Amino acid sequence: MQEVIDKYNWSRLNSLQLGRYAEYFTKMEFALYGFDIYMPEIDAKGIDFVIRKDIDRYYDVQVKSVRDLNYIFIPKDKLPLSENMLVAIVIFFDGKPPSLYLIPATAWRQPNALFVSHDYEGKKSKPEWGLNLSQKNMPLLEQYEFSKIVRTL
């Protein structure tokens, strides 16, 4: 049992390492479901990779990672609320394998306790789409569990 706990000791990774792990983990999960994965040459538009299953269906994917349950945000200029944009959320709890969720960007069109919009008018911060990750909001997030959503693509 000790070996498993050491394997999932996410706190030993710095933020860059954790983010990179989340991206690779997400890509491999898509590969298991038969998707082709394409990497952009430049990450200027907030797209970490593109997936395709059929010749005429593709999705842009942005991956966000977080330790425990915290607030996640994505600048609005990096996340258009389009039908082919997906946000993969990877949550890391020490001692456990990562939890993966797949959220269509269109989910932010209907804000609720989980999905929020902040425009910060007159402030220094850029407008952002947010995700309030908390125990209270976990039931709202569960419908976006990766294996449930990936089958619908």
N, C-alpha and C. Protein backbone atom coordinates (compact mmCIF):
# COMPACT_ATOMS: atom_id res chain seq x y z
N MET A 1 0.82 -1.20 0.00
CA MET A 1 0.00 0.00 0.00
C MET A 1 0.86 1.26 0.00
N GLN A 2 1.96 1.24 0.72
CA GLN A 2 2.85 2.40 0.77
C GLN A 2 3.35 2.79 -0.62
N GLU A 3 3.59 1.81 -1.47
CA GLU A 3 4.08 2.07 -2.83
C GLU A 3 3.09 2.92 -3.62
N VAL A 4 1.81 2.65 -3.52
CA VAL A 4 0.78 3.41 -4.23
C VAL A 4 0.76 4.86 -3.74
N ILE A 5 0.84 5.05 -2.44
CA ILE A 5 0.82 6.41 -1.88
C ILE A 5 2.02 7.19 -2.39
N ASP A 6 3.20 6.59 -2.43
CA ASP A 6 4.39 7.27 -2.92
C ASP A 6 4.25 7.61 -4.41
N LYS A 7 3.65 6.70 -5.18
CA LYS A 7 3.47 6.94 -6.61
C LYS A 7 2.64 8.18 -6.86
N TYR A 8 1.62 8.39 -6.05
CA TYR A 8 0.73 9.51 -6.24
C TYR A 8 1.01 10.66 -5.26
N ASN A 9 2.28 10.89 -5.00
CA ASN A 9 2.69 12.00 -4.15
C ASN A 9 2.85 13.24 -5.03
N TRP A 10 1.73 13.84 -5.42
CA TRP A 10 1.73 14.96 -6.37
C TRP A 10 2.41 16.20 -5.81
N SER A 11 2.48 16.32 -4.49
CA SER A 11 3.08 17.53 -3.90
C SER A 11 4.59 17.60 -4.16
N ARG A 12 5.19 16.50 -4.59
CA ARG A 12 6.63 16.56 -4.89
C ARG A 12 6.91 17.19 -6.25
N LEU A 13 5.86 17.37 -7.06
CA LEU A 13 6.03 17.99 -8.38
C LEU A 13 5.78 19.49 -8.29
N ASN A 14 6.56 20.25 -9.04
CA ASN A 14 6.29 21.69 -9.10
C ASN A 14 5.13 21.94 -10.07
N SER A 15 4.67 23.16 -10.16
CA SER A 15 3.50 23.48 -10.98
C SER A 15 3.70 23.13 -12.45
N LEU A 16 4.88 23.40 -12.98
CA LEU A 16 5.16 23.09 -14.38
C LEU A 16 5.12 21.58 -14.63
N GLN A 17 5.73 20.81 -13.73
CA GLN A 17 5.72 19.35 -13.86
C GLN A 17 4.31 18.79 -13.77
N LEU A 18 3.53 19.32 -12.85
CA LEU A 18 2.15 18.85 -12.68
C LEU A 18 1.32 19.16 -13.92
N GLY A 19 1.48 20.36 -14.45
CA GLY A 19 0.76 20.75 -15.67
C GLY A 19 1.15 19.89 -16.86
N ARG A 20 2.42 19.61 -16.99
CA ARG A 20 2.88 18.76 -18.10
C ARG A 20 2.34 17.35 -17.95
N TYR A 21 2.37 16.82 -16.72
CA TYR A 21 1.82 15.49 -16.48
C TYR A 21 0.33 15.46 -16.86
N ALA A 22 -0.40 16.50 -16.47
CA ALA A 22 -1.84 16.57 -16.77
C ALA A 22 -2.08 16.53 -18.29
N GLU A 23 -1.28 17.26 -19.05
CA GLU A 23 -1.43 17.25 -20.50
C GLU A 23 -1.17 15.87 -21.08
N TYR A 24 -0.08 15.25 -20.70
CA TYR A 24 0.24 13.90 -21.23
C TYR A 24 -0.82 12.89 -20.81
N PHE A 25 -1.24 12.97 -19.56
CA PHE A 25 -2.26 12.06 -19.05
C PHE A 25 -3.55 12.19 -19.87
N THR A 26 -3.96 13.42 -20.14
CA THR A 26 -5.17 13.67 -20.91
C THR A 26 -5.04 13.15 -22.34
N LYS A 27 -3.90 13.39 -22.95
CA LYS A 27 -3.67 12.89 -24.32
C LYS A 27 -3.78 11.36 -24.37
N MET A 28 -3.19 10.69 -23.40
CA MET A 28 -3.21 9.23 -23.39
C MET A 28 -4.63 8.70 -23.17
N GLU A 29 -5.42 9.40 -22.38
CA GLU A 29 -6.82 8.99 -22.19
C GLU A 29 -7.59 9.12 -23.50
N PHE A 30 -7.36 10.20 -24.24
CA PHE A 30 -8.01 10.33 -25.55
C PHE A 30 -7.54 9.23 -26.50
N ALA A 31 -6.26 8.90 -26.46
CA ALA A 31 -5.72 7.84 -27.33
C ALA A 31 -6.39 6.50 -27.03
N LEU A 32 -6.67 6.23 -25.75
CA LEU A 32 -7.35 4.98 -25.39
C LEU A 32 -8.73 4.87 -26.00
N TYR A 33 -9.35 6.01 -26.30
CA TYR A 33 -10.68 6.03 -26.92
C TYR A 33 -10.61 6.17 -28.45
N GLY A 34 -9.41 6.01 -29.01
CA GLY A 34 -9.26 5.98 -30.47
C GLY A 34 -9.14 7.33 -31.15
N PHE A 35 -8.85 8.37 -30.41
CA PHE A 35 -8.70 9.69 -31.02
C PHE A 35 -7.28 9.88 -31.56
N ASP A 36 -7.16 10.59 -32.67
CA ASP A 36 -5.87 11.08 -33.15
C ASP A 36 -5.60 12.37 -32.40
N ILE A 37 -4.34 12.63 -32.10
CA ILE A 37 -3.96 13.80 -31.31
C ILE A 37 -2.94 14.60 -32.10
N TYR A 38 -3.19 15.89 -32.21
CA TYR A 38 -2.31 16.79 -32.96
C TYR A 38 -1.87 17.93 -32.06
N MET A 39 -0.60 18.28 -32.16
CA MET A 39 -0.03 19.34 -31.33
C MET A 39 0.16 20.60 -32.16
N PRO A 40 -0.28 21.76 -31.66
CA PRO A 40 -0.01 23.01 -32.38
C PRO A 40 1.46 23.37 -32.25
N GLU A 41 1.99 24.03 -33.26
CA GLU A 41 3.39 24.46 -33.23
C GLU A 41 3.60 25.55 -32.18
N ILE A 42 2.60 26.42 -32.02
CA ILE A 42 2.69 27.53 -31.08
C ILE A 42 1.44 27.53 -30.21
N ASP A 43 1.63 27.71 -28.91
CA ASP A 43 0.49 27.75 -27.97
C ASP A 43 0.11 29.20 -27.70
N ALA A 44 -0.33 29.90 -28.74
CA ALA A 44 -0.68 31.31 -28.59
C ALA A 44 -2.17 31.52 -28.37
N LYS A 45 -2.98 30.51 -28.66
CA LYS A 45 -4.42 30.68 -28.57
C LYS A 45 -5.04 29.86 -27.44
N GLY A 46 -4.23 29.32 -26.56
CA GLY A 46 -4.76 28.57 -25.43
C GLY A 46 -5.16 27.15 -25.78
N ILE A 47 -4.73 26.67 -26.93
CA ILE A 47 -5.06 25.30 -27.34
C ILE A 47 -3.84 24.42 -27.04
N ASP A 48 -4.03 23.43 -26.17
CA ASP A 48 -2.92 22.54 -25.85
C ASP A 48 -2.73 21.46 -26.89
N PHE A 49 -3.85 20.95 -27.44
CA PHE A 49 -3.78 19.99 -28.53
C PHE A 49 -5.14 19.88 -29.20
N VAL A 50 -5.16 19.22 -30.33
CA VAL A 50 -6.39 19.01 -31.11
C VAL A 50 -6.62 17.51 -31.19
N ILE A 51 -7.88 17.10 -31.05
CA ILE A 51 -8.21 15.68 -31.20
C ILE A 51 -9.14 15.51 -32.38
N ARG A 52 -9.06 14.33 -32.98
CA ARG A 52 -9.94 14.02 -34.11
C ARG A 52 -10.26 12.54 -34.08
N LYS A 53 -11.52 12.23 -34.27
CA LYS A 53 -11.93 10.82 -34.35
C LYS A 53 -12.37 10.50 -35.77
N ASP A 54 -13.14 11.38 -36.36
CA ASP A 54 -13.58 11.22 -37.74
C ASP A 54 -12.94 12.32 -38.58
N ILE A 55 -12.92 12.13 -39.86
CA ILE A 55 -12.27 13.10 -40.74
C ILE A 55 -12.89 14.48 -40.67
N ASP A 56 -14.17 14.56 -40.35
CA ASP A 56 -14.84 15.86 -40.33
C ASP A 56 -15.19 16.36 -38.93
N ARG A 57 -14.69 15.69 -37.89
CA ARG A 57 -14.97 16.11 -36.51
C ARG A 57 -13.68 16.25 -35.72
N TYR A 58 -13.42 17.46 -35.27
CA TYR A 58 -12.24 17.69 -34.45
C TYR A 58 -12.60 18.62 -33.29
N TYR A 59 -11.77 18.60 -32.26
CA TYR A 59 -12.00 19.43 -31.08
C TYR A 59 -10.67 20.03 -30.63
N ASP A 60 -10.71 21.29 -30.25
CA ASP A 60 -9.57 21.95 -29.62
C ASP A 60 -9.68 21.66 -28.13
N VAL A 61 -8.54 21.33 -27.51
CA VAL A 61 -8.56 20.96 -26.09
C VAL A 61 -7.59 21.84 -25.31
N GLN A 62 -8.08 22.39 -24.22
CA GLN A 62 -7.25 23.11 -23.28
C GLN A 62 -7.25 22.32 -21.98
N VAL A 63 -6.07 22.08 -21.42
CA VAL A 63 -5.94 21.29 -20.19
C VAL A 63 -5.60 22.21 -19.03
N LYS A 64 -6.31 22.03 -17.94
CA LYS A 64 -6.03 22.75 -16.70
C LYS A 64 -5.84 21.73 -15.59
N SER A 65 -4.82 21.96 -14.77
CA SER A 65 -4.58 21.06 -13.64
C SER A 65 -4.68 21.84 -12.34
N VAL A 66 -5.05 21.13 -11.29
CA VAL A 66 -5.21 21.78 -10.00
C VAL A 66 -4.93 20.76 -8.89
N ARG A 67 -4.32 21.23 -7.82
CA ARG A 67 -4.13 20.40 -6.63
C ARG A 67 -5.34 20.60 -5.73
N ASP A 68 -5.92 19.52 -5.30
CA ASP A 68 -7.10 19.58 -4.43
C ASP A 68 -8.23 20.36 -5.13
N LEU A 69 -9.14 20.88 -4.37
CA LEU A 69 -10.28 21.61 -4.94
C LEU A 69 -10.03 23.10 -4.78
N ASN A 70 -9.75 23.76 -5.87
CA ASN A 70 -9.47 25.19 -5.88
C ASN A 70 -10.16 25.84 -7.07
N TYR A 71 -10.09 27.13 -7.13
CA TYR A 71 -10.65 27.89 -8.25
C TYR A 71 -9.73 27.77 -9.46
N ILE A 72 -10.30 27.54 -10.62
CA ILE A 72 -9.55 27.50 -11.88
C ILE A 72 -10.14 28.58 -12.77
N PHE A 73 -9.28 29.29 -13.51
CA PHE A 73 -9.81 30.28 -14.45
C PHE A 73 -9.09 30.18 -15.78
N ILE A 74 -9.78 30.64 -16.81
CA ILE A 74 -9.24 30.68 -18.17
C ILE A 74 -9.62 32.04 -18.74
N PRO A 75 -8.63 32.80 -19.22
CA PRO A 75 -8.97 34.10 -19.83
C PRO A 75 -9.99 33.91 -20.96
N LYS A 76 -10.96 34.80 -21.01
CA LYS A 76 -12.01 34.68 -22.02
C LYS A 76 -11.45 34.73 -23.45
N ASP A 77 -10.35 35.46 -23.64
CA ASP A 77 -9.79 35.53 -25.00
C ASP A 77 -9.07 34.24 -25.40
N LYS A 78 -8.90 33.30 -24.47
CA LYS A 78 -8.29 32.00 -24.76
C LYS A 78 -9.31 30.87 -24.82
N LEU A 79 -10.56 31.18 -24.49
CA LEU A 79 -11.59 30.13 -24.48
C LEU A 79 -12.88 30.63 -25.12
N PRO A 80 -12.95 30.51 -26.45
CA PRO A 80 -14.23 30.83 -27.10
C PRO A 80 -15.26 29.77 -26.73
N LEU A 81 -16.49 30.18 -26.55
CA LEU A 81 -17.53 29.23 -26.15
C LEU A 81 -18.11 28.54 -27.39
N SER A 82 -17.24 27.89 -28.15
CA SER A 82 -17.64 27.23 -29.39
C SER A 82 -17.91 25.74 -29.17
N GLU A 83 -18.63 25.16 -30.10
CA GLU A 83 -19.04 23.75 -30.01
C GLU A 83 -17.84 22.79 -30.06
N ASN A 84 -16.74 23.21 -30.66
CA ASN A 84 -15.60 22.29 -30.80
C ASN A 84 -14.46 22.59 -29.82
N MET A 85 -14.76 23.35 -28.76
CA MET A 85 -13.74 23.66 -27.75
C MET A 85 -14.04 22.87 -26.48
N LEU A 86 -13.03 22.17 -25.96
CA LEU A 86 -13.17 21.36 -24.74
C LEU A 86 -12.13 21.80 -23.72
N VAL A 87 -12.51 21.73 -22.45
CA VAL A 87 -11.58 21.99 -21.36
C VAL A 87 -11.46 20.70 -20.55
N ALA A 88 -10.24 20.19 -20.47
CA ALA A 88 -9.97 19.01 -19.65
C ALA A 88 -9.45 19.50 -18.30
N ILE A 89 -10.08 19.06 -17.24
CA ILE A 89 -9.69 19.43 -15.89
C ILE A 89 -9.11 18.19 -15.21
N VAL A 90 -7.87 18.31 -14.73
CA VAL A 90 -7.22 17.20 -14.03
C VAL A 90 -7.01 17.65 -12.59
N ILE A 91 -7.64 16.92 -11.67
CA ILE A 91 -7.54 17.26 -10.25
C ILE A 91 -6.62 16.23 -9.58
N PHE A 92 -5.64 16.75 -8.85
CA PHE A 92 -4.66 15.91 -8.17
C PHE A 92 -4.84 15.99 -6.66
N PHE A 93 -5.11 14.84 -6.05
CA PHE A 93 -5.14 14.70 -4.59
C PHE A 93 -4.00 13.77 -4.22
N ASP A 94 -3.14 14.17 -3.29
CA ASP A 94 -2.05 13.30 -2.86
C ASP A 94 -2.59 11.95 -2.42
N GLY A 95 -1.90 10.90 -2.84
CA GLY A 95 -2.28 9.54 -2.48
C GLY A 95 -3.31 8.91 -3.39
N LYS A 96 -3.78 9.64 -4.41
CA LYS A 96 -4.81 9.11 -5.31
C LYS A 96 -4.42 9.36 -6.76
N PRO A 97 -4.90 8.51 -7.67
CA PRO A 97 -4.67 8.79 -9.09
C PRO A 97 -5.41 10.06 -9.49
N PRO A 98 -4.98 10.70 -10.59
CA PRO A 98 -5.65 11.94 -11.00
C PRO A 98 -7.11 11.70 -11.39
N SER A 99 -7.94 12.71 -11.16
CA SER A 99 -9.34 12.69 -11.59
C SER A 99 -9.45 13.57 -12.82
N LEU A 100 -10.08 13.04 -13.87
CA LEU A 100 -10.15 13.74 -15.15
C LEU A 100 -11.59 14.04 -15.53
N TYR A 101 -11.83 15.29 -15.90
CA TYR A 101 -13.15 15.75 -16.32
C TYR A 101 -13.01 16.44 -17.67
N LEU A 102 -14.05 16.36 -18.48
CA LEU A 102 -14.03 16.96 -19.80
C LEU A 102 -15.26 17.85 -19.97
N ILE A 103 -15.02 19.13 -20.11
CA ILE A 103 -16.11 20.10 -20.12
C ILE A 103 -16.19 20.80 -21.47
N PRO A 104 -17.33 20.71 -22.14
CA PRO A 104 -17.51 21.51 -23.36
C PRO A 104 -17.52 23.00 -22.97
N ALA A 105 -16.82 23.82 -23.75
CA ALA A 105 -16.75 25.25 -23.44
C ALA A 105 -18.14 25.88 -23.38
N THR A 106 -19.08 25.32 -24.09
CA THR A 106 -20.44 25.86 -24.10
C THR A 106 -21.11 25.79 -22.73
N ALA A 107 -20.56 25.01 -21.80
CA ALA A 107 -21.13 24.91 -20.45
C ALA A 107 -21.13 26.27 -19.75
N TRP A 108 -20.17 27.14 -20.10
CA TRP A 108 -20.10 28.46 -19.46
C TRP A 108 -21.20 29.40 -19.96
N ARG A 109 -21.95 28.99 -20.98
CA ARG A 109 -23.07 29.83 -21.45
C ARG A 109 -24.19 29.90 -20.41
N GLN A 110 -24.22 28.91 -19.52
CA GLN A 110 -25.26 28.86 -18.47
C GLN A 110 -24.56 28.87 -17.10
N PRO A 111 -24.14 30.05 -16.63
CA PRO A 111 -23.42 30.11 -15.35
C PRO A 111 -24.26 29.53 -14.20
N ASN A 112 -23.56 28.95 -13.23
CA ASN A 112 -24.18 28.41 -12.02
C ASN A 112 -23.14 28.46 -10.91
N ALA A 113 -23.32 27.70 -9.86
CA ALA A 113 -22.35 27.72 -8.75
C ALA A 113 -20.97 27.22 -9.19
N LEU A 114 -20.92 26.32 -10.17
CA LEU A 114 -19.65 25.76 -10.66
C LEU A 114 -19.04 26.63 -11.75
N PHE A 115 -19.83 26.98 -12.76
CA PHE A 115 -19.35 27.74 -13.92
C PHE A 115 -19.63 29.23 -13.72
N VAL A 116 -18.57 30.04 -13.68
CA VAL A 116 -18.74 31.47 -13.43
C VAL A 116 -18.07 32.31 -14.50
N SER A 117 -18.54 33.54 -14.61
CA SER A 117 -18.00 34.51 -15.55
C SER A 117 -17.63 35.76 -14.76
N HIS A 118 -16.39 36.24 -14.98
CA HIS A 118 -15.94 37.48 -14.35
C HIS A 118 -15.41 38.41 -15.43
N ASP A 119 -15.99 39.60 -15.51
CA ASP A 119 -15.53 40.56 -16.52
C ASP A 119 -14.55 41.59 -15.97
N TYR A 120 -14.53 41.81 -14.68
CA TYR A 120 -13.60 42.74 -14.03
C TYR A 120 -13.53 44.10 -14.72
N GLU A 121 -14.68 44.65 -15.06
CA GLU A 121 -14.70 45.95 -15.74
C GLU A 121 -14.04 47.02 -14.89
N GLY A 122 -13.15 47.78 -15.52
CA GLY A 122 -12.43 48.85 -14.84
C GLY A 122 -11.31 48.36 -13.95
N LYS A 123 -10.98 47.08 -14.01
CA LYS A 123 -9.91 46.52 -13.18
C LYS A 123 -8.76 46.03 -14.06
N LYS A 124 -7.64 45.68 -13.42
CA LYS A 124 -6.46 45.23 -14.15
C LYS A 124 -6.61 43.81 -14.71
N SER A 125 -7.34 42.96 -14.01
CA SER A 125 -7.49 41.57 -14.44
C SER A 125 -8.29 41.48 -15.73
N LYS A 126 -7.89 40.53 -16.58
CA LYS A 126 -8.61 40.28 -17.82
C LYS A 126 -9.89 39.50 -17.52
N PRO A 127 -10.91 39.66 -18.37
CA PRO A 127 -12.13 38.86 -18.20
C PRO A 127 -11.80 37.37 -18.23
N GLU A 128 -12.50 36.57 -17.41
CA GLU A 128 -12.19 35.14 -17.32
C GLU A 128 -13.43 34.31 -17.12
N TRP A 129 -13.32 33.07 -17.58
CA TRP A 129 -14.29 32.03 -17.25
C TRP A 129 -13.71 31.29 -16.06
N GLY A 130 -14.51 31.00 -15.07
CA GLY A 130 -14.01 30.34 -13.87
C GLY A 130 -14.74 29.06 -13.56
N LEU A 131 -14.09 28.25 -12.76
CA LEU A 131 -14.64 26.98 -12.30
C LEU A 131 -14.43 26.93 -10.79
N ASN A 132 -15.52 26.99 -10.03
CA ASN A 132 -15.46 26.94 -8.56
C ASN A 132 -15.46 25.48 -8.11
N LEU A 133 -14.28 24.92 -7.94
CA LEU A 133 -14.19 23.53 -7.49
C LEU A 133 -14.27 23.48 -5.97
N SER A 134 -15.28 22.79 -5.46
CA SER A 134 -15.48 22.65 -4.02
C SER A 134 -16.27 21.36 -3.79
N GLN A 135 -16.27 20.90 -2.54
CA GLN A 135 -17.05 19.71 -2.21
C GLN A 135 -18.52 19.93 -2.56
N LYS A 136 -19.02 21.11 -2.27
CA LYS A 136 -20.41 21.44 -2.54
C LYS A 136 -20.74 21.36 -4.04
N ASN A 137 -19.78 21.74 -4.89
CA ASN A 137 -20.02 21.77 -6.34
C ASN A 137 -19.64 20.47 -7.05
N MET A 138 -19.08 19.51 -6.33
CA MET A 138 -18.67 18.26 -6.98
C MET A 138 -19.83 17.54 -7.68
N PRO A 139 -21.05 17.53 -7.13
CA PRO A 139 -22.15 16.89 -7.87
C PRO A 139 -22.39 17.54 -9.24
N LEU A 140 -22.16 18.84 -9.36
CA LEU A 140 -22.31 19.51 -10.65
C LEU A 140 -21.20 19.11 -11.61
N LEU A 141 -20.01 18.84 -11.08
CA LEU A 141 -18.86 18.46 -11.91
C LEU A 141 -18.94 17.01 -12.36
N GLU A 142 -19.52 16.14 -11.54
CA GLU A 142 -19.52 14.69 -11.83
C GLU A 142 -20.11 14.34 -13.20
N GLN A 143 -21.06 15.12 -13.68
CA GLN A 143 -21.64 14.82 -15.00
C GLN A 143 -20.62 14.98 -16.13
N TYR A 144 -19.49 15.64 -15.84
CA TYR A 144 -18.45 15.87 -16.85
C TYR A 144 -17.28 14.91 -16.68
N GLU A 145 -17.47 13.84 -15.93
CA GLU A 145 -16.41 12.84 -15.77
C GLU A 145 -15.99 12.39 -17.17
N PHE A 146 -14.69 12.29 -17.39
CA PHE A 146 -14.13 12.08 -18.73
C PHE A 146 -14.79 10.95 -19.51
N SER A 147 -14.92 9.78 -18.89
CA SER A 147 -15.44 8.63 -19.64
C SER A 147 -16.90 8.83 -20.06
N LYS A 148 -17.64 9.66 -19.35
CA LYS A 148 -19.02 9.94 -19.74
C LYS A 148 -19.08 10.85 -20.96
N ILE A 149 -18.25 11.87 -20.99
CA ILE A 149 -18.30 12.87 -22.07
C ILE A 149 -17.59 12.39 -23.32
N VAL A 150 -16.45 11.71 -23.17
CA VAL A 150 -15.67 11.31 -24.34
C VAL A 150 -16.48 10.40 -25.26
N ARG A 151 -17.36 9.62 -24.71
CA ARG A 151 -18.19 8.71 -25.53
C ARG A 151 -19.22 9.45 -26.37
N THR A 152 -19.50 10.69 -26.02
CA THR A 152 -20.49 11.47 -26.78
C THR A 152 -19.87 12.24 -27.95
N LEU A 153 -18.54 12.25 -28.01
CA LEU A 153 -17.85 13.03 -29.06
C LEU A 153 -17.83 12.28 -30.38
